[in-house]
Amino acid sequence: MAPRAYWKGTLKLSLVSCPVVLYPATTAAEKTRFHMINRETGNRLKQQMIDAETGDVVESDQKGRGYELRKGKYVEIEPEELEAVQIESNHTIDIESFVPSDEIDQRYLNHPYYVAPDGKAAIDAFAVIRDAMKDQDRVALAKIVLTNREHIIAIEPLGKGLLGTTLRFPYELRDEDQFFDDIKSPKITKDMVELAGHILQTKASHFDPSKFKDEYETALKALVKRKASGKTIELPEPEERPSNVVSLMDALKQSLKGRGGKKTAAKSHARRASGGRRAAKKTPRSTARQRKAG
């Protein structure tokens, strides 16, 4: 059963339109999350807003929104003033243009959504728009209002449905030059590049996300399970950091022969969960904490 729709409206291409629904394409429900607790009582902590100058707790009716004009100087914006600039949602995705998919800079991609027809009556028009994009190998660009903000959304065919991905605005991206300008251009021999190319060929593969394993998440779950059962958590010996590579050419040759080490951080995380050589000191738990665990 599909989850509740995040957005409902109309997908429109010129005079052709159909009701559609948007569903978030991603979820964090399976991620291991921790809460802040009181070590003494085992109770969960709650956060409070504190005045940065006086240190006093600020109650809900005293909270406001302010824009910092300069350090320590704010202009307060009232809720009704914010409403004056909110964009009225017309619940329409009006396709403005179609662009080649390879022209979209990956850095602009933001949040993905599944776009599906809303009801049987919408299927025909939906299929026409979807299949036309498949034939032309184009991505639709449109505007959509989500949570009172206007977004650009890129829409492309995905199986029987459509994938809509909100795009970042140019002002949200940093210029790469400020990070890359200081990178030097060393003299690299053709032999080194060819050796590196051979290493790449030995690792050539195809994109298969089913092979992605979140080893850290697995280790976290094992850690929580072990701790909840009252077992001692053992810490591994710190791994020795590899010495600096003296010869880049030697390193390339050894990599090609398969001599390079394959120690990964993921394996290190897994060892932390299952236990290592050196036991950590066990801290006494208070009666309240034991009661919470039970």
C-alpha atoms as a PDB file:
ATOM      1  CA  MET A   1       0.000   0.000   0.000  1.00  0.00           C
ATOM      2  CA  ALA A   2       1.406   3.374  -1.051  1.00  0.00           C
ATOM      3  CA  PRO A   3       2.010   5.966   1.686  1.00  0.00           C
ATOM      4  CA  ARG A   4      -0.094   9.097   1.971  1.00  0.00           C
ATOM      5  CA  ALA A   5       0.447  11.584  -0.861  1.00  0.00           C
ATOM      6  CA  TYR A   6       2.744  14.499  -0.070  1.00  0.00           C
ATOM      7  CA  TRP A   7       1.153  16.751  -2.719  1.00  0.00           C
ATOM      8  CA  LYS A   8      -1.895  16.596  -4.983  1.00  0.00           C
ATOM      9  CA  GLY A   9      -2.520  18.695  -8.056  1.00  0.00           C
ATOM     10  CA  THR A  10      -2.522  18.798 -11.841  1.00  0.00           C
ATOM     11  CA  LEU A  11       0.255  18.079 -14.323  1.00  0.00           C
ATOM     12  CA  LYS A  12      -0.286  20.304 -17.349  1.00  0.00           C
ATOM     13  CA  LEU A  13       1.292  20.215 -20.807  1.00  0.00           C
ATOM     14  CA  SER A  14      -0.276  22.952 -22.936  1.00  0.00           C
ATOM     15  CA  LEU A  15      -3.968  21.956 -23.152  1.00  0.00           C
ATOM     16  CA  VAL A  16      -3.357  18.403 -21.894  1.00  0.00           C
ATOM     17  CA  SER A  17      -3.701  17.995 -18.146  1.00  0.00           C
ATOM     18  CA  CYS A  18      -4.189  15.217 -15.625  1.00  0.00           C
ATOM     19  CA  PRO A  19      -4.506  14.937 -11.831  1.00  0.00           C
ATOM     20  CA  VAL A  20      -1.313  13.657 -10.204  1.00  0.00           C
ATOM     21  CA  VAL A  21       0.046  12.899  -6.755  1.00  0.00           C
ATOM     22  CA  LEU A  22       3.595  13.260  -5.412  1.00  0.00           C
ATOM     23  CA  TYR A  23       5.193  10.836  -2.969  1.00  0.00           C
ATOM     24  CA  PRO A  24       8.630  11.336  -1.357  1.00  0.00           C
ATOM     25  CA  ALA A  25      11.055   8.954  -3.073  1.00  0.00           C
ATOM     26  CA  THR A  26      13.353   8.732  -0.049  1.00  0.00           C
ATOM     27  CA  THR A  27      12.899   7.768   3.598  1.00  0.00           C
ATOM     28  CA  ALA A  28      14.967   7.873   6.765  1.00  0.00           C
ATOM     29  CA  ALA A  29      12.610   5.614   8.729  1.00  0.00           C
ATOM     30  CA  GLU A  30      15.120   2.741   8.901  1.00  0.00           C
ATOM     31  CA  LYS A  31      17.995   4.884  10.151  1.00  0.00           C
ATOM     32  CA  THR A  32      19.140   4.273  13.725  1.00  0.00           C
ATOM     33  CA  ARG A  33      18.446   7.403  15.756  1.00  0.00           C
ATOM     34  CA  PHE A  34      19.472   8.366  19.264  1.00  0.00           C
ATOM     35  CA  HIS A  35      17.761  10.636  21.793  1.00  0.00           C
ATOM     36  CA  MET A  36      19.470  12.754  24.412  1.00  0.00           C
ATOM     37  CA  ILE A  37      18.829  11.341  27.890  1.00  0.00           C
ATOM     38  CA  ASN A  38      19.651  12.137  31.500  1.00  0.00           C
ATOM     39  CA  ARG A  39      22.425   9.724  32.551  1.00  0.00           C
ATOM     40  CA  GLU A  40      21.186   9.750  36.139  1.00  0.00           C
ATOM     41  CA  THR A  41      17.453   9.099  35.603  1.00  0.00           C
ATOM     42  CA  GLY A  42      17.402   7.579  32.134  1.00  0.00           C
ATOM     43  CA  ASN A  43      14.698  10.084  31.161  1.00  0.00           C
ATOM     44  CA  ARG A  44      14.627  11.759  27.775  1.00  0.00           C
ATOM     45  CA  LEU A  45      15.733  15.397  27.651  1.00  0.00           C
ATOM     46  CA  LYS A  46      13.820  18.217  26.000  1.00  0.00           C
ATOM     47  CA  GLN A  47      15.300  21.364  24.527  1.00  0.00           C
ATOM     48  CA  GLN A  48      14.434  24.901  25.549  1.00  0.00           C
ATOM     49  CA  MET A  49      15.080  28.237  23.893  1.00  0.00           C
ATOM     50  CA  ILE A  50      17.487  30.392  25.908  1.00  0.00           C
ATOM     51  CA  ASP A  51      18.100  34.128  25.517  1.00  0.00           C
ATOM     52  CA  ALA A  52      21.714  34.362  24.322  1.00  0.00           C
ATOM     53  CA  GLU A  53      22.411  37.429  26.484  1.00  0.00           C
ATOM     54  CA  THR A  54      20.356  36.995  29.655  1.00  0.00           C
ATOM     55  CA  GLY A  55      20.335  33.198  29.813  1.00  0.00           C
ATOM     56  CA  ASP A  56      16.596  33.219  30.596  1.00  0.00           C
ATOM     57  CA  VAL A  57      14.257  30.559  29.201  1.00  0.00           C
ATOM     58  CA  VAL A  58      12.060  32.052  26.462  1.00  0.00           C
ATOM     59  CA  GLU A  59       8.429  30.902  26.406  1.00  0.00           C
ATOM     60  CA  SER A  60       6.541  30.128  23.188  1.00  0.00           C
ATOM     61  CA  ASP A  61       4.584  33.400  23.134  1.00  0.00           C
ATOM     62  CA  GLN A  62       7.849  35.360  23.340  1.00  0.00           C
ATOM     63  CA  LYS A  63       9.468  33.742  20.316  1.00  0.00           C
ATOM     64  CA  GLY A  64       9.733  35.660  17.053  1.00  0.00           C
ATOM     65  CA  ARG A  65      11.607  35.648  13.760  1.00  0.00           C
ATOM     66  CA  GLY A  66      14.385  38.084  13.038  1.00  0.00           C
ATOM     67  CA  TYR A  67      16.808  38.708  10.178  1.00  0.00           C
ATOM     68  CA  GLU A  68      20.359  39.642  11.204  1.00  0.00           C
ATOM     69  CA  LEU A  69      21.284  42.914   9.503  1.00  0.00           C
ATOM     70  CA  ARG A  70      24.666  43.010  11.185  1.00  0.00           C
ATOM     71  CA  LYS A  71      26.221  41.192  14.127  1.00  0.00           C
ATOM     72  CA  GLY A  72      23.795  41.350  17.040  1.00  0.00           C
ATOM     73  CA  LYS A  73      21.332  43.632  15.207  1.00  0.00           C
ATOM     74  CA  TYR A  74      18.067  42.063  14.036  1.00  0.00           C
ATOM     75  CA  VAL A  75      14.971  43.287  12.246  1.00  0.00           C
ATOM     76  CA  GLU A  76      11.894  41.431  13.490  1.00  0.00           C
ATOM     77  CA  ILE A  77       9.495  40.046  10.882  1.00  0.00           C
ATOM     78  CA  GLU A  78       5.901  39.428  11.958  1.00  0.00           C
ATOM     79  CA  PRO A  79       3.999  36.277  10.865  1.00  0.00           C
ATOM     80  CA  GLU A  80       1.454  38.335   8.895  1.00  0.00           C
ATOM     81  CA  GLU A  81       4.313  40.070   7.073  1.00  0.00           C
ATOM     82  CA  LEU A  82       5.683  36.686   6.026  1.00  0.00           C
ATOM     83  CA  GLU A  83       2.245  35.718   4.740  1.00  0.00           C
ATOM     84  CA  ALA A  84       2.342  38.751   2.440  1.00  0.00           C
ATOM     85  CA  VAL A  85       5.254  37.253   0.476  1.00  0.00           C
ATOM     86  CA  GLN A  86       4.068  33.643   0.477  1.00  0.00           C
ATOM     87  CA  ILE A  87       3.275  32.301  -2.968  1.00  0.00           C
ATOM     88  CA  GLU A  88      -0.288  31.181  -3.454  1.00  0.00           C
ATOM     89  CA  SER A  89      -0.320  27.541  -4.444  1.00  0.00           C
ATOM     90  CA  ASN A  90      -2.429  26.840  -7.518  1.00  0.00           C
ATOM     91  CA  HIS A  91      -1.695  23.101  -7.254  1.00  0.00           C
ATOM     92  CA  THR A  92      -0.579  22.984 -10.871  1.00  0.00           C
ATOM     93  CA  ILE A  93       2.675  21.694 -12.340  1.00  0.00           C
ATOM     94  CA  ASP A  94       2.732  23.652 -15.583  1.00  0.00           C
ATOM     95  CA  ILE A  95       5.496  22.293 -17.833  1.00  0.00           C
ATOM     96  CA  GLU A  96       7.424  25.238 -19.247  1.00  0.00           C
ATOM     97  CA  SER A  97      10.140  23.528 -21.306  1.00  0.00           C
ATOM     98  CA  PHE A  98      11.888  20.264 -22.179  1.00  0.00           C
ATOM     99  CA  VAL A  99      15.669  19.912 -22.014  1.00  0.00           C
ATOM    100  CA  PRO A 100      18.121  17.083 -22.814  1.00  0.00           C
ATOM    101  CA  SER A 101      18.717  15.056 -19.646  1.00  0.00           C
ATOM    102  CA  ASP A 102      22.514  15.246 -19.983  1.00  0.00           C
ATOM    103  CA  GLU A 103      22.393  19.055 -19.771  1.00  0.00           C
ATOM    104  CA  ILE A 104      21.210  19.088 -16.152  1.00  0.00           C
ATOM    105  CA  ASP A 105      24.131  19.718 -13.816  1.00  0.00           C
ATOM    106  CA  GLN A 106      24.043  17.039 -11.084  1.00  0.00           C
ATOM    107  CA  ARG A 107      24.752  19.656  -8.428  1.00  0.00           C
ATOM    108  CA  TYR A 108      21.314  21.191  -8.955  1.00  0.00           C
ATOM    109  CA  LEU A 109      19.452  17.980  -8.072  1.00  0.00           C
ATOM    110  CA  ASN A 110      17.764  18.233  -4.679  1.00  0.00           C
ATOM    111  CA  HIS A 111      14.795  16.124  -3.456  1.00  0.00           C
ATOM    112  CA  PRO A 112      13.255  13.295  -5.533  1.00  0.00           C
ATOM    113  CA  TYR A 113       9.533  12.521  -5.690  1.00  0.00           C
ATOM    114  CA  TYR A 114       7.489   9.837  -7.391  1.00  0.00           C
ATOM    115  CA  VAL A 115       4.779  11.310  -9.622  1.00  0.00           C
ATOM    116  CA  ALA A 116       1.763   9.069 -10.262  1.00  0.00           C
ATOM    117  CA  PRO A 117      -1.668   9.581 -11.845  1.00  0.00           C
ATOM    118  CA  ASP A 118      -4.433  10.404  -9.365  1.00  0.00           C
ATOM    119  CA  GLY A 119      -7.293   8.109 -10.286  1.00  0.00           C
ATOM    120  CA  LYS A 120      -8.207   6.000 -13.319  1.00  0.00           C
ATOM    121  CA  ALA A 121      -9.457   8.975 -15.329  1.00  0.00           C
ATOM    122  CA  ALA A 122      -5.958  10.499 -15.291  1.00  0.00           C
ATOM    123  CA  ILE A 123      -4.111   7.448 -16.671  1.00  0.00           C
ATOM    124  CA  ASP A 124      -4.527   8.172 -20.400  1.00  0.00           C
ATOM    125  CA  ALA A 125      -3.283  11.768 -20.282  1.00  0.00           C
ATOM    126  CA  PHE A 126      -0.524  10.757 -17.870  1.00  0.00           C
ATOM    127  CA  ALA A 127       0.683   7.994 -20.208  1.00  0.00           C
ATOM    128  CA  VAL A 128       0.697  10.354 -23.203  1.00  0.00           C
ATOM    129  CA  ILE A 129       2.948  12.884 -21.415  1.00  0.00           C
ATOM    130  CA  ARG A 130       5.209  10.144 -20.025  1.00  0.00           C
ATOM    131  CA  ASP A 131       5.652   8.294 -23.330  1.00  0.00           C
ATOM    132  CA  ALA A 132       6.246  11.508 -25.284  1.00  0.00           C
ATOM    133  CA  MET A 133       9.149  12.293 -22.972  1.00  0.00           C
ATOM    134  CA  LYS A 134      10.487   8.760 -23.415  1.00  0.00           C
ATOM    135  CA  ASP A 135      10.440   9.101 -27.209  1.00  0.00           C
ATOM    136  CA  GLN A 136      12.191  12.471 -27.167  1.00  0.00           C
ATOM    137  CA  ASP A 137      14.607  11.574 -24.322  1.00  0.00           C
ATOM    138  CA  ARG A 138      13.816  14.886 -22.698  1.00  0.00           C
ATOM    139  CA  VAL A 139      13.300  16.112 -19.144  1.00  0.00           C
ATOM    140  CA  ALA A 140      10.442  18.484 -18.386  1.00  0.00           C
ATOM    141  CA  LEU A 141      11.096  21.627 -16.349  1.00  0.00           C
ATOM    142  CA  ALA A 142       8.210  23.128 -14.409  1.00  0.00           C
ATOM    143  CA  LYS A 143       7.381  25.191 -11.341  1.00  0.00           C
ATOM    144  CA  ILE A 144       5.710  23.800  -8.230  1.00  0.00           C
ATOM    145  CA  VAL A 145       4.795  25.293  -4.860  1.00  0.00           C
ATOM    146  CA  LEU A 146       5.751  23.096  -1.881  1.00  0.00           C
ATOM    147  CA  THR A 147       5.456  24.291   1.733  1.00  0.00           C
ATOM    148  CA  ASN A 148       4.736  27.874   0.622  1.00  0.00           C
ATOM    149  CA  ARG A 149       7.905  28.094  -1.465  1.00  0.00           C
ATOM    150  CA  GLU A 150       8.278  27.959  -5.217  1.00  0.00           C
ATOM    151  CA  HIS A 151      10.590  25.312  -6.654  1.00  0.00           C
ATOM    152  CA  ILE A 152      11.774  24.300 -10.085  1.00  0.00           C
ATOM    153  CA  ILE A 153      11.090  20.607 -10.642  1.00  0.00           C
ATOM    154  CA  ALA A 154      12.637  18.333 -13.290  1.00  0.00           C
ATOM    155  CA  ILE A 155      10.303  15.552 -14.414  1.00  0.00           C
ATOM    156  CA  GLU A 156      11.394  12.438 -16.311  1.00  0.00           C
ATOM    157  CA  PRO A 157       9.976   8.980 -17.055  1.00  0.00           C
ATOM    158  CA  LEU A 158      10.636   6.249 -14.503  1.00  0.00           C
ATOM    159  CA  GLY A 159       9.095   2.862 -15.206  1.00  0.00           C
ATOM    160  CA  LYS A 160       5.326   3.246 -15.391  1.00  0.00           C
ATOM    161  CA  GLY A 161       5.439   6.610 -13.646  1.00  0.00           C
ATOM    162  CA  LEU A 162       7.455   9.796 -13.489  1.00  0.00           C
ATOM    163  CA  LEU A 163      10.295  10.973 -11.287  1.00  0.00           C
ATOM    164  CA  GLY A 164      10.156  14.588 -10.199  1.00  0.00           C
ATOM    165  CA  THR A 165      13.277  16.115  -8.676  1.00  0.00           C
ATOM    166  CA  THR A 166      13.276  19.595  -7.209  1.00  0.00           C
ATOM    167  CA  LEU A 167      16.256  21.673  -8.321  1.00  0.00           C
ATOM    168  CA  ARG A 168      18.396  24.081  -6.359  1.00  0.00           C
ATOM    169  CA  PHE A 169      18.554  27.703  -7.438  1.00  0.00           C
ATOM    170  CA  PRO A 170      21.897  29.084  -8.669  1.00  0.00           C
ATOM    171  CA  TYR A 171      22.383  31.132  -5.492  1.00  0.00           C
ATOM    172  CA  GLU A 172      22.393  27.894  -3.474  1.00  0.00           C
ATOM    173  CA  LEU A 173      25.485  26.549  -5.225  1.00  0.00           C
ATOM    174  CA  ARG A 174      29.047  27.530  -4.410  1.00  0.00           C
ATOM    175  CA  ASP A 175      31.449  28.359  -7.208  1.00  0.00           C
ATOM    176  CA  GLU A 176      33.886  25.474  -7.667  1.00  0.00           C
ATOM    177  CA  ASP A 177      36.741  27.846  -8.547  1.00  0.00           C
ATOM    178  CA  GLN A 178      37.205  28.902  -4.919  1.00  0.00           C
ATOM    179  CA  PHE A 179      37.954  25.267  -4.050  1.00  0.00           C
ATOM    180  CA  PHE A 180      39.882  24.179  -7.142  1.00  0.00           C
ATOM    181  CA  ASP A 181      41.986  27.220  -8.015  1.00  0.00           C
ATOM    182  CA  ASP A 182      44.768  26.275  -5.576  1.00  0.00           C
ATOM    183  CA  ILE A 183      45.121  22.734  -6.935  1.00  0.00           C
ATOM    184  CA  LYS A 184      48.512  22.500  -8.562  1.00  0.00           C
ATOM    185  CA  SER A 185      49.203  20.876 -11.934  1.00  0.00           C
ATOM    186  CA  PRO A 186      52.094  18.476 -11.289  1.00  0.00           C
ATOM    187  CA  LYS A 187      53.966  16.742 -14.051  1.00  0.00           C
ATOM    188  CA  ILE A 188      52.518  13.241 -14.352  1.00  0.00           C
ATOM    189  CA  THR A 189      54.173  10.814 -16.727  1.00  0.00           C
ATOM    190  CA  LYS A 190      52.197   8.968 -19.402  1.00  0.00           C
ATOM    191  CA  ASP A 191      53.230   5.630 -17.817  1.00  0.00           C
ATOM    192  CA  MET A 192      51.578   6.598 -14.521  1.00  0.00           C
ATOM    193  CA  VAL A 193      48.326   7.573 -16.239  1.00  0.00           C
ATOM    194  CA  GLU A 194      48.324   4.321 -18.226  1.00  0.00           C
ATOM    195  CA  LEU A 195      48.924   2.254 -15.063  1.00  0.00           C
ATOM    196  CA  ALA A 196      46.099   4.066 -13.291  1.00  0.00           C
ATOM    197  CA  GLY A 197      43.930   3.383 -16.349  1.00  0.00           C
ATOM    198  CA  HIS A 198      44.670  -0.354 -16.087  1.00  0.00           C
ATOM    199  CA  ILE A 199      43.641  -0.296 -12.410  1.00  0.00           C
ATOM    200  CA  LEU A 200      40.379   1.394 -13.406  1.00  0.00           C
ATOM    201  CA  GLN A 201      39.743  -1.328 -15.988  1.00  0.00           C
ATOM    202  CA  THR A 202      40.193  -4.085 -13.402  1.00  0.00           C
ATOM    203  CA  LYS A 203      37.507  -2.412 -11.273  1.00  0.00           C
ATOM    204  CA  ALA A 204      35.113  -1.636 -14.146  1.00  0.00           C
ATOM    205  CA  SER A 205      31.517  -2.416 -13.234  1.00  0.00           C
ATOM    206  CA  HIS A 206      27.927  -1.221 -13.648  1.00  0.00           C
ATOM    207  CA  PHE A 207      25.872   0.928 -11.301  1.00  0.00           C
ATOM    208  CA  ASP A 208      23.997  -1.456  -9.002  1.00  0.00           C
ATOM    209  CA  PRO A 209      22.647   0.175  -5.805  1.00  0.00           C
ATOM    210  CA  SER A 210      21.516  -3.222  -4.491  1.00  0.00           C
ATOM    211  CA  LYS A 211      25.191  -3.841  -3.707  1.00  0.00           C
ATOM    212  CA  PHE A 212      25.366  -0.780  -1.450  1.00  0.00           C
ATOM    213  CA  LYS A 213      25.660  -1.950   2.158  1.00  0.00           C
ATOM    214  CA  ASP A 214      25.478   0.514   5.038  1.00  0.00           C
ATOM    215  CA  GLU A 215      28.026  -1.235   7.254  1.00  0.00           C
ATOM    216  CA  TYR A 216      27.940   1.549   9.818  1.00  0.00           C
ATOM    217  CA  GLU A 217      24.144   1.269  10.203  1.00  0.00           C
ATOM    218  CA  THR A 218      24.477  -2.512  10.619  1.00  0.00           C
ATOM    219  CA  ALA A 219      27.168  -1.996  13.253  1.00  0.00           C
ATOM    220  CA  LEU A 220      25.011   0.534  15.108  1.00  0.00           C
ATOM    221  CA  LYS A 221      22.083  -1.891  15.281  1.00  0.00           C
ATOM    222  CA  ALA A 222      24.410  -4.642  16.572  1.00  0.00           C
ATOM    223  CA  LEU A 223      25.832  -2.248  19.160  1.00  0.00           C
ATOM    224  CA  VAL A 224      22.370  -1.280  20.442  1.00  0.00           C
ATOM    225  CA  LYS A 225      21.233  -4.919  20.568  1.00  0.00           C
ATOM    226  CA  ARG A 226      24.376  -5.979  22.443  1.00  0.00           C
ATOM    227  CA  LYS A 227      24.130  -3.100  24.897  1.00  0.00           C
ATOM    228  CA  ALA A 228      20.398  -3.699  25.532  1.00  0.00           C
ATOM    229  CA  SER A 229      21.116  -7.340  26.377  1.00  0.00           C
ATOM    230  CA  GLY A 230      23.585  -6.234  29.055  1.00  0.00           C
ATOM    231  CA  LYS A 231      26.732  -7.410  27.287  1.00  0.00           C
ATOM    232  CA  THR A 232      30.042  -5.586  27.589  1.00  0.00           C
ATOM    233  CA  ILE A 233      31.042  -3.438  24.637  1.00  0.00           C
ATOM    234  CA  GLU A 234      34.655  -4.071  23.714  1.00  0.00           C
ATOM    235  CA  LEU A 235      36.795  -1.593  21.850  1.00  0.00           C
ATOM    236  CA  PRO A 236      39.243  -2.633  19.139  1.00  0.00           C
ATOM    237  CA  GLU A 237      42.895  -1.717  19.057  1.00  0.00           C
ATOM    238  CA  PRO A 238      43.453   1.512  17.113  1.00  0.00           C
ATOM    239  CA  GLU A 239      44.590   0.730  13.595  1.00  0.00           C
ATOM    240  CA  GLU A 240      48.021   1.870  12.537  1.00  0.00           C
ATOM    241  CA  ARG A 241      47.936   4.610   9.963  1.00  0.00           C
ATOM    242  CA  PRO A 242      49.737   3.684   6.746  1.00  0.00           C
ATOM    243  CA  SER A 243      53.023   5.444   6.160  1.00  0.00           C
ATOM    244  CA  ASN A 244      53.280   8.041   3.423  1.00  0.00           C
ATOM    245  CA  VAL A 245      53.726   6.651  -0.074  1.00  0.00           C
ATOM    246  CA  VAL A 246      57.309   7.246  -1.111  1.00  0.00           C
ATOM    247  CA  SER A 247      56.921   6.304  -4.758  1.00  0.00           C
ATOM    248  CA  LEU A 248      53.673   6.897  -6.633  1.00  0.00           C
ATOM    249  CA  MET A 249      54.838   4.622  -9.453  1.00  0.00           C
ATOM    250  CA  ASP A 250      55.552   1.765  -6.993  1.00  0.00           C
ATOM    251  CA  ALA A 251      52.111   2.191  -5.441  1.00  0.00           C
ATOM    252  CA  LEU A 252      50.466   2.025  -8.866  1.00  0.00           C
ATOM    253  CA  LYS A 253      52.379  -1.133  -9.769  1.00  0.00           C
ATOM    254  CA  GLN A 254      51.545  -2.820  -6.479  1.00  0.00           C
ATOM    255  CA  SER A 255      47.869  -1.886  -6.864  1.00  0.00           C
ATOM    256  CA  LEU A 256      47.794  -3.438 -10.316  1.00  0.00           C
ATOM    257  CA  LYS A 257      49.279  -6.660  -8.921  1.00  0.00           C
ATOM    258  CA  GLY A 258      46.645  -6.743  -6.194  1.00  0.00           C
ATOM    259  CA  ARG A 259      49.066  -6.218  -3.327  1.00  0.00           C
ATOM    260  CA  GLY A 260      47.359  -3.109  -1.976  1.00  0.00           C
ATOM    261  CA  GLY A 261      45.619  -3.435   1.360  1.00  0.00           C
ATOM    262  CA  LYS A 262      41.843  -3.287   1.476  1.00  0.00           C
ATOM    263  CA  LYS A 263      41.177  -2.227   5.036  1.00  0.00           C
ATOM    264  CA  THR A 264      37.994  -0.190   5.166  1.00  0.00           C
ATOM    265  CA  ALA A 265      36.374   2.012   7.746  1.00  0.00           C
ATOM    266  CA  ALA A 266      33.210  -0.062   7.453  1.00  0.00           C
ATOM    267  CA  LYS A 267      34.990  -3.183   8.733  1.00  0.00           C
ATOM    268  CA  SER A 268      36.356  -1.131  11.582  1.00  0.00           C
ATOM    269  CA  HIS A 269      32.828  -0.060  12.533  1.00  0.00           C
ATOM    270  CA  ALA A 270      31.635  -3.667  12.426  1.00  0.00           C
ATOM    271  CA  ARG A 271      34.441  -4.732  14.763  1.00  0.00           C
ATOM    272  CA  ARG A 272      33.431  -2.044  17.233  1.00  0.00           C
ATOM    273  CA  ALA A 273      29.964  -3.551  17.429  1.00  0.00           C
ATOM    274  CA  SER A 274      31.072  -7.195  17.754  1.00  0.00           C
ATOM    275  CA  GLY A 275      34.016  -6.521  20.047  1.00  0.00           C
ATOM    276  CA  GLY A 276      37.790  -6.363  19.734  1.00  0.00           C
ATOM    277  CA  ARG A 277      40.816  -7.144  21.845  1.00  0.00           C
ATOM    278  CA  ARG A 278      40.711  -4.438  24.498  1.00  0.00           C
ATOM    279  CA  ALA A 279      37.711  -4.351  26.857  1.00  0.00           C
ATOM    280  CA  ALA A 280      36.287  -0.997  27.880  1.00  0.00           C
ATOM    281  CA  LYS A 281      35.749  -0.233  31.546  1.00  0.00           C
ATOM    282  CA  LYS A 282      32.201  -1.005  32.538  1.00  0.00           C
ATOM    283  CA  THR A 283      30.330   1.920  34.104  1.00  0.00           C
ATOM    284  CA  PRO A 284      27.735   1.209  36.802  1.00  0.00           C
ATOM    285  CA  ARG A 285      24.170   1.939  35.813  1.00  0.00           C
ATOM    286  CA  SER A 286      21.800   3.603  38.201  1.00  0.00           C
ATOM    287  CA  THR A 287      18.629   1.821  39.315  1.00  0.00           C
ATOM    288  CA  ALA A 288      16.559   4.247  37.264  1.00  0.00           C
ATOM    289  CA  ARG A 289      18.506   3.568  34.089  1.00  0.00           C
ATOM    290  CA  GLN A 290      18.153  -0.202  34.575  1.00  0.00           C
ATOM    291  CA  ARG A 291      14.430   0.312  35.058  1.00  0.00           C
ATOM    292  CA  LYS A 292      14.262   2.255  31.771  1.00  0.00           C
ATOM    293  CA  ALA A 293      16.147  -0.438  29.881  1.00  0.00           C
ATOM    294  CA  GLY A 294      13.742  -3.049  31.168  1.00  0.00           C
END
